[in-house]
Structure formats: structure tokens, C-alpha cells
Amino acid sequence: MGAFSTTPMDVTRRRLNAATVQPARPAVSNSSLYFSILTSVAMVALVAFFISCRISRPLKQIGEAAERLGRGESVELDERRGPDEVRRAATAFNTMGARLRRFVDDRTRMLAAVSHDLRTPITNLRLRVELLDEGETKQRMLDNVEELRLTAEAMLSFAREEGSEEARAVDLVSLVESVCEDMADVGAPVSFDGAAKLPAICRPIAMRRVVRNLVENAIAYGAEARVSVRPDGGDIRVTVEDRGPGIPAVDIERVFEPFVRLETSRNRSTGGVGLGLSIARSIVRGHGGDICLENRQDGGLRAVLTLPAMHVVGDDRQGRRTPARQIAA
């Protein structure tokens, strides 16, 4: 046999026939891949939800506390719970609340002191006027002195109520109804119609004064007062209507200014000293509500008092009371 030899052509063929073999990869199941993705997304969502709740819960508590503070309630946040930022916010909120309460208390005490100190010179002035000879001048002076006395008494009464009474939960329907019944017992032409039960946070004595003022105005200037209490979304709506001549549109807001009287005869039998509506609106706004006046289309004036309602689980606000009590004039 001859010797084995390799030609250049054979080498080229071997090189062309060479191949690279890679190891086979295991096949990945689609269901396993989807499950891994969903698990990861769920874990990220849970972590995000936990973080958002941890951040939003203290902010919600601060917001609710601020709303309660605006209604005149005494609120204090826990300064030891939550992250550092939340604790600092709670401390700042408590400091602000204390300063506001101190400011209001100082103003109330000053108003009470001034009103109280005015009573003595007013009494002395009235005694001196009584010594004058009878006549038109003496009567006018007595009327002016009496107006000063009523103003001082109104300011002192307001200061005492603001400084001594704490806000608490009351049934506003029962409160308004009791005011109407008290006035009806003395022959006032007052009617009442209300819902079942509408709890609210307020100072009861001050709120009774507000309702009485609105009802007395309706009777004095509109011959009768038709009072109703209804829920209005998250508020309570107290409406007092009369059959009077109404108020000019330009004076609708002006009557809430202190010492403004549309009746200019300065006769005490036809009006007060012009502080009633001003004090009433101040009290209601201090509770987070408001008072507005509007002329009715069929004649007369409508006074609307709105007050934030207190949420009560299971409270039936669709019920009706028994027919309203009504006494003719």
C-alpha cells in the first residue's frame, strides 16, 4: 500500500464541514413565567399600599382635627406617634390650636370686662337723666341711654356664652323644636317641621340664641315664623320663613354688619340695637357653618342656617316627626 497523504483540497473540505454545537437550553413554561410576573407585581403593590397608608393616615387625622378645631372643639393630636415629620406636624398643630384658643379667650375676657365696666356709668347716666324735667329731650336721652344699656348687655351675654360653654353633641332637631315650642307657649305665631334626628357638634346655649334671634326677627318683621330642619348633604339646614316685605337686595349682606338697622326710627319696640344678626352669624361661623338671607319669590324673607352634621352610623335621616305644632297669632 502506498503512503497516506493529505492534499490541500482535503484540508479545505474538513474546515468547511466543521460545526459548533451548543448545549440545549431547558424550555421555560409560559405559565411559570406569568406566575412569577404576577407575584412580583402583587408584592410591589402591597408594599406601595402599605407605604401610602402609612403616609396618608396621619395626614387624614390632621385634616379631621383641623376641621374639628374650626368648629370650636378642643382637639389635641398625639405627638409621640408616626414618623418624625408627622410628629413635628402634630406638635405644630397643637401649638397653633393652643394659640388660637388663648387668642379667643383673651378677646372674650376683654369684651366681657369692657361690657361689664360700661354698666356702672350707664346706670349713673340714667339716674342723672331721670332728674331732668319731663319733656321730649328727656325722653330722647332716656332712649339713648337704654340703647347703650342693651348694647352692653348684648355684648356681655355673648362674651359669657363664648367663654363658658363647651361644644358637645346635640340633636339639632330637638334643640330647634324646643325653641319653637317655648315661643309658641307665649302665643307667638310659630310652626315647626323637622326630620327625625340630626346630631351636630355645637354649643347648645349659643345655638338656641341664634335660632331664637332668627325666629324673633321673622315674627317682628314678617308676622309669623315657619321653621324647618332638614339634612342637606353633609350639612344640616335650618330654614326660617316669614310673610314680611323682605329686604332690598343691596341690604342682604349689610344687615349682618354690627349696629346696622334697616328700621331707622330708633324705637326699641320696632327693633334692637343692630347686633342680633351680627352675633348670630359670628356664632354659627364659629361652628363651621353660616347664615344667609334671601327673599322668597312669593313674598317674605327666608333665613337659612347651615351647620355641619355629625356622622352617626345607622342614623335614619329620612324619617319624619309628628305634625308640627302651630299656634296662630
Protein backbone atom coordinates (compact mmCIF):
# COMPACT_ATOMS: atom_id res chain seq x y z
CA MET A 1 0.00 0.00 0.00
CA GLY A 2 1.12 3.48 -0.70
CA ALA A 3 1.73 6.11 1.94
CA PHE A 4 -1.31 8.17 3.17
CA SER A 5 -1.14 11.80 2.02
CA THR A 6 -3.37 14.86 2.54
CA THR A 7 -3.96 17.29 -0.20
CA PRO A 8 -4.83 20.96 0.25
CA MET A 9 -8.32 20.24 -1.11
CA ASP A 10 -8.98 17.74 1.67
CA VAL A 11 -8.00 20.26 4.34
CA THR A 12 -10.36 22.81 2.89
CA ARG A 13 -13.21 20.34 2.89
CA ARG A 14 -12.65 19.45 6.52
CA ARG A 15 -12.67 23.03 7.51
CA LEU A 16 -15.90 23.68 5.67
CA ASN A 17 -17.58 20.72 7.34
CA ALA A 18 -16.68 21.87 10.88
CA ALA A 19 -19.67 22.85 13.12
CA THR A 20 -20.09 24.35 16.58
CA VAL A 21 -22.51 22.51 18.85
CA GLN A 22 -24.16 24.48 21.73
CA PRO A 23 -25.75 22.78 24.74
CA ALA A 24 -29.53 22.67 24.62
CA ARG A 25 -31.39 25.12 26.94
CA PRO A 26 -34.23 23.82 29.00
CA ALA A 27 -37.61 25.06 27.83
CA VAL A 28 -39.31 27.62 30.14
CA SER A 29 -43.04 27.17 30.81
CA ASN A 30 -45.23 30.18 29.96
CA SER A 31 -47.44 29.60 32.99
CA SER A 32 -44.44 29.72 35.34
CA LEU A 33 -43.29 32.99 33.77
CA TYR A 34 -46.72 34.60 34.13
CA PHE A 35 -46.99 33.45 37.73
CA SER A 36 -43.61 34.99 38.57
CA ILE A 37 -44.58 38.31 36.99
CA LEU A 38 -47.93 38.43 38.78
CA THR A 39 -46.31 37.56 42.10
CA SER A 40 -43.77 40.35 41.69
CA VAL A 41 -46.45 42.88 40.75
CA ALA A 42 -48.59 41.85 43.73
CA MET A 43 -45.68 42.21 46.14
CA VAL A 44 -44.79 45.66 44.78
CA ALA A 45 -48.46 46.72 45.02
CA LEU A 46 -48.72 45.54 48.64
CA VAL A 47 -45.57 47.41 49.61
CA ALA A 48 -46.79 50.57 47.85
CA PHE A 49 -50.20 50.28 49.53
CA PHE A 50 -48.60 49.88 52.95
CA ILE A 51 -46.36 52.91 52.42
CA SER A 52 -49.23 55.07 51.11
CA CYS A 53 -51.43 54.13 54.08
CA ARG A 54 -48.62 54.94 56.49
CA ILE A 55 -48.26 58.36 54.89
CA SER A 56 -51.94 59.19 54.27
CA ARG A 57 -53.37 58.08 57.63
CA PRO A 58 -51.61 60.76 59.72
CA LEU A 59 -52.45 63.40 57.11
CA LYS A 60 -56.11 62.38 57.24
CA GLN A 61 -56.08 62.62 61.04
CA ILE A 62 -54.55 66.10 60.89
CA GLY A 63 -57.18 67.17 58.35
CA GLU A 64 -60.04 65.87 60.53
CA ALA A 65 -58.55 67.55 63.60
CA ALA A 66 -58.26 70.87 61.73
CA GLU A 67 -61.92 70.64 60.72
CA ARG A 68 -62.98 69.95 64.31
CA LEU A 69 -60.82 72.80 65.57
CA GLY A 70 -62.55 75.11 63.09
CA ARG A 71 -65.91 74.14 64.64
CA GLY A 72 -64.78 75.26 68.07
CA GLU A 73 -63.91 71.85 69.52
CA SER A 74 -60.89 71.29 71.73
CA VAL A 75 -58.57 68.98 69.75
CA GLU A 76 -55.06 67.74 70.51
CA LEU A 77 -53.02 65.32 68.39
CA ASP A 78 -50.69 62.63 69.74
CA GLU A 79 -47.15 63.94 69.28
CA ARG A 80 -45.49 60.58 70.01
CA ARG A 81 -46.80 58.50 67.10
CA GLY A 82 -45.72 58.30 63.47
CA PRO A 83 -42.58 59.31 61.59
CA ASP A 84 -40.55 62.36 62.57
CA GLU A 85 -42.32 64.58 60.02
CA VAL A 86 -45.74 63.56 61.33
CA ARG A 87 -44.72 64.15 64.94
CA ARG A 88 -43.40 67.61 64.07
CA ALA A 89 -46.65 68.39 62.23
CA ALA A 90 -48.69 67.24 65.25
CA THR A 91 -46.60 69.44 67.56
CA ALA A 92 -47.07 72.44 65.28
CA PHE A 93 -50.83 71.77 65.08
CA ASN A 94 -51.17 71.54 68.88
CA THR A 95 -49.18 74.76 69.30
CA MET A 96 -51.39 76.53 66.75
CA GLY A 97 -54.55 75.28 68.48
CA ALA A 98 -53.32 76.49 71.87
CA ARG A 99 -52.50 79.92 70.47
CA LEU A 100 -55.91 80.21 68.81
CA ARG A 101 -57.72 79.23 72.00
CA ARG A 102 -55.63 81.70 74.00
CA PHE A 103 -56.37 84.46 71.50
CA VAL A 104 -60.12 83.76 71.57
CA ASP A 105 -60.16 83.54 75.38
CA ASP A 106 -58.27 86.83 75.72
CA ARG A 107 -60.63 88.56 73.30
CA THR A 108 -63.68 87.16 75.08
CA ARG A 109 -62.43 88.21 78.51
CA MET A 110 -61.65 91.70 77.25
CA LEU A 111 -65.09 92.03 75.69
CA ALA A 112 -66.73 90.84 78.90
CA ALA A 113 -64.67 93.24 81.01
CA VAL A 114 -65.48 96.25 78.82
CA SER A 115 -69.18 95.38 78.71
CA HIS A 116 -69.28 94.90 82.48
CA ASP A 117 -67.45 98.16 83.19
CA LEU A 118 -69.87 100.09 80.97
CA ARG A 119 -72.85 99.12 83.12
CA THR A 120 -71.90 101.40 86.02
CA PRO A 121 -71.51 104.68 84.06
CA ILE A 122 -74.64 103.86 82.06
CA THR A 123 -76.62 103.39 85.27
CA ASN A 124 -75.28 106.65 86.70
CA LEU A 125 -76.12 108.47 83.48
CA ARG A 126 -79.67 107.15 83.55
CA LEU A 127 -80.13 108.33 87.16
CA ARG A 128 -78.99 111.82 86.22
CA VAL A 129 -81.32 111.94 83.22
CA GLU A 130 -84.23 110.87 85.43
CA LEU A 131 -83.72 114.07 87.48
CA LEU A 132 -84.36 116.30 84.45
CA ASP A 133 -87.72 117.94 83.82
CA GLU A 134 -90.20 116.00 81.76
CA GLY A 135 -90.14 116.70 78.06
CA GLU A 136 -89.17 115.47 74.63
CA THR A 137 -85.46 116.00 75.28
CA LYS A 138 -85.55 113.88 78.43
CA GLN A 139 -87.31 111.04 76.62
CA ARG A 140 -84.77 111.04 73.80
CA MET A 141 -81.92 110.96 76.29
CA LEU A 142 -83.55 108.06 78.11
CA ASP A 143 -83.93 106.18 74.82
CA ASN A 144 -80.26 106.69 74.04
CA VAL A 145 -79.19 105.52 77.48
CA GLU A 146 -81.41 102.46 77.19
CA GLU A 147 -79.88 101.68 73.80
CA LEU A 148 -76.42 101.87 75.36
CA ARG A 149 -77.53 99.54 78.13
CA LEU A 150 -78.95 96.99 75.68
CA THR A 151 -75.75 97.10 73.64
CA ALA A 152 -73.62 96.47 76.70
CA GLU A 153 -75.91 93.67 77.85
CA ALA A 154 -75.82 92.02 74.43
CA MET A 155 -72.02 92.15 74.32
CA LEU A 156 -71.72 90.83 77.87
CA SER A 157 -74.15 87.98 77.21
CA PHE A 158 -72.27 87.00 74.06
CA ALA A 159 -68.91 87.06 75.88
CA ARG A 160 -70.24 84.92 78.72
CA GLU A 161 -71.65 82.31 76.36
CA GLU A 162 -68.46 82.17 74.28
CA GLY A 163 -66.19 81.84 77.27
CA SER A 164 -68.05 79.36 79.48
CA GLU A 165 -69.75 76.84 77.18
CA GLU A 166 -68.08 73.81 75.62
CA ALA A 167 -69.16 72.30 72.31
CA ARG A 168 -70.81 68.89 72.54
CA ALA A 169 -73.01 66.55 70.52
CA VAL A 170 -76.70 67.52 70.49
CA ASP A 171 -79.76 66.69 68.42
CA LEU A 172 -80.25 69.89 66.46
CA VAL A 173 -83.84 68.97 65.57
CA SER A 174 -84.81 68.72 69.25
CA LEU A 175 -82.96 71.95 70.05
CA VAL A 176 -84.76 73.96 67.35
CA GLU A 177 -88.10 72.38 68.20
CA SER A 178 -87.73 73.28 71.88
CA VAL A 179 -87.07 76.93 70.97
CA CYS A 180 -90.18 76.98 68.77
CA GLU A 181 -92.30 75.36 71.50
CA ASP A 182 -91.11 77.85 74.12
CA MET A 183 -92.12 80.75 71.89
CA ALA A 184 -95.40 79.10 70.90
CA ASP A 185 -96.27 78.71 74.59
CA VAL A 186 -96.41 82.50 74.95
CA GLY A 187 -98.63 82.88 71.88
CA ALA A 188 -96.04 83.53 69.17
CA PRO A 189 -97.17 82.51 65.64
CA VAL A 190 -94.53 79.84 65.11
CA SER A 191 -94.69 76.48 63.29
CA PHE A 192 -92.10 73.72 63.18
CA ASP A 193 -91.42 70.84 60.81
CA GLY A 194 -88.32 68.69 61.14
CA ALA A 195 -86.64 65.42 60.25
CA ALA A 196 -86.17 62.55 62.67
CA LYS A 197 -82.79 63.11 64.32
CA LEU A 198 -79.84 65.19 63.15
CA PRO A 199 -76.89 65.23 65.57
CA ALA A 200 -74.36 68.06 65.41
CA ILE A 201 -71.45 69.37 67.47
CA CYS A 202 -72.31 72.79 68.87
CA ARG A 203 -72.63 74.93 71.98
CA PRO A 204 -76.32 74.43 72.82
CA ILE A 205 -76.97 77.72 74.66
CA ALA A 206 -75.33 79.78 71.92
CA MET A 207 -77.16 77.88 69.19
CA ARG A 208 -80.50 78.36 70.95
CA ARG A 209 -79.76 82.08 70.98
CA VAL A 210 -79.13 82.03 67.22
CA VAL A 211 -82.37 80.20 66.45
CA ARG A 212 -84.37 82.42 68.79
CA ASN A 213 -82.96 85.54 67.13
CA LEU A 214 -83.96 84.33 63.66
CA VAL A 215 -87.45 83.36 64.82
CA GLU A 216 -87.98 86.65 66.70
CA ASN A 217 -86.93 88.63 63.63
CA ALA A 218 -89.37 86.67 61.46
CA ILE A 219 -92.22 87.35 63.88
CA ALA A 220 -91.33 91.02 64.37
CA TYR A 221 -91.00 91.88 60.68
CA GLY A 222 -92.93 89.12 58.94
CA ALA A 223 -95.96 88.37 61.17
CA GLU A 224 -95.10 84.67 61.55
CA ALA A 225 -92.22 82.18 61.55
CA ARG A 226 -92.26 78.84 59.71
CA VAL A 227 -89.27 76.80 60.87
CA SER A 228 -87.96 73.59 59.29
CA VAL A 229 -84.88 71.40 59.82
CA ARG A 230 -83.62 69.12 57.05
CA PRO A 231 -80.42 67.26 56.12
CA ASP A 232 -78.56 68.82 53.22
CA GLY A 233 -75.75 66.52 52.10
CA GLY A 234 -73.15 66.65 54.86
CA ASP A 235 -74.82 69.67 56.50
CA ILE A 236 -77.97 70.43 58.46
CA ARG A 237 -80.22 73.13 57.04
CA VAL A 238 -82.43 75.18 59.37
CA THR A 239 -84.86 77.43 57.48
CA VAL A 240 -86.93 80.25 58.99
CA GLU A 241 -89.51 81.84 56.65
CA ASP A 242 -91.90 84.74 57.18
CA ARG A 243 -94.55 86.70 55.27
CA GLY A 244 -92.99 90.14 55.61
CA PRO A 245 -91.90 92.65 52.96
CA GLY A 246 -88.42 91.16 52.65
CA ILE A 247 -85.14 93.08 52.42
CA PRO A 248 -83.76 95.10 49.50
CA ALA A 249 -81.13 93.14 47.62
CA VAL A 250 -78.45 95.75 48.37
CA ASP A 251 -79.00 95.28 52.12
CA ILE A 252 -78.98 91.47 52.23
CA GLU A 253 -75.37 91.33 53.46
CA ARG A 254 -75.29 94.72 55.12
CA VAL A 255 -77.75 93.68 57.84
CA PHE A 256 -75.09 91.30 59.22
CA GLU A 257 -72.77 94.20 59.99
CA PRO A 258 -72.71 95.37 63.64
CA PHE A 259 -75.16 98.13 64.61
CA VAL A 260 -76.91 98.13 61.23
CA ARG A 261 -80.69 98.56 61.43
CA LEU A 262 -82.91 98.91 58.38
CA GLU A 263 -85.62 100.32 60.62
CA THR A 264 -84.35 103.84 61.37
CA SER A 265 -86.94 105.14 63.83
CA ARG A 266 -84.62 104.23 66.78
CA ASN A 267 -87.70 102.94 68.58
CA ARG A 268 -86.87 99.90 70.69
CA SER A 269 -90.31 98.44 70.04
CA THR A 270 -89.52 98.14 66.31
CA GLY A 271 -86.04 96.67 66.59
CA GLY A 272 -82.96 96.08 68.73
CA VAL A 273 -79.55 97.69 68.65
CA GLY A 274 -78.39 96.01 65.45
CA LEU A 275 -76.22 93.30 66.99
CA GLY A 276 -78.53 90.30 66.77
CA LEU A 277 -77.72 89.07 63.27
CA SER A 278 -74.06 90.01 63.58
CA ILE A 279 -73.67 87.94 66.75
CA ALA A 280 -75.74 85.10 65.30
CA ARG A 281 -73.55 84.82 62.20
CA SER A 282 -70.40 85.02 64.34
CA ILE A 283 -71.63 82.14 66.50
CA VAL A 284 -72.62 79.96 63.54
CA ARG A 285 -69.39 80.60 61.64
CA GLY A 286 -67.53 79.67 64.79
CA HIS A 287 -69.23 76.27 64.48
CA GLY A 288 -68.12 75.86 60.85
CA GLY A 289 -71.48 76.90 59.37
CA ASP A 290 -73.07 80.08 58.07
CA ILE A 291 -76.27 82.14 57.89
CA CYS A 292 -77.64 83.73 54.74
CA LEU A 293 -80.82 85.63 53.88
CA GLU A 294 -82.85 85.51 50.67
CA ASN A 295 -86.13 86.99 49.50
CA ARG A 296 -88.83 84.46 48.66
CA GLN A 297 -90.47 84.58 45.24
CA ASP A 298 -93.97 84.56 46.72
CA GLY A 299 -93.12 87.27 49.26
CA GLY A 300 -91.37 87.29 52.58
CA LEU A 301 -87.86 86.56 53.76
CA ARG A 302 -86.06 83.25 54.20
CA ALA A 303 -83.20 82.87 56.68
CA VAL A 304 -81.08 79.76 56.12
CA LEU A 305 -78.75 78.42 58.79
CA THR A 306 -76.34 75.63 57.76
CA LEU A 307 -74.30 73.62 60.21
CA PRO A 308 -72.01 70.61 59.67
CA ALA A 309 -73.74 67.38 60.62
CA MET A 310 -72.11 64.83 62.89
CA HIS A 311 -71.86 61.45 61.15
CA VAL A 312 -73.65 58.70 63.07
CA VAL A 313 -73.64 55.11 61.81
CA GLY A 314 -77.15 53.84 61.25
CA ASP A 315 -78.71 57.25 61.63
CA ASP A 316 -82.05 57.38 59.86
CA ARG A 317 -82.31 60.84 58.36
CA GLN A 318 -85.28 60.15 56.18
CA GLY A 319 -87.80 59.82 59.00
CA ARG A 320 -90.32 62.49 59.85
CA ARG A 321 -91.55 63.78 63.15
CA THR A 322 -95.15 64.09 64.12
CA PRO A 323 -97.06 67.00 62.55
CA ALA A 324 -95.61 70.32 63.53
CA ARG A 325 -97.13 72.28 66.36
CA GLN A 326 -98.63 75.53 65.22
CA ILE A 327 -100.31 78.32 67.18
CA ALA A 328 -101.99 81.16 65.34
CA ALA A 329 -101.24 84.73 66.24
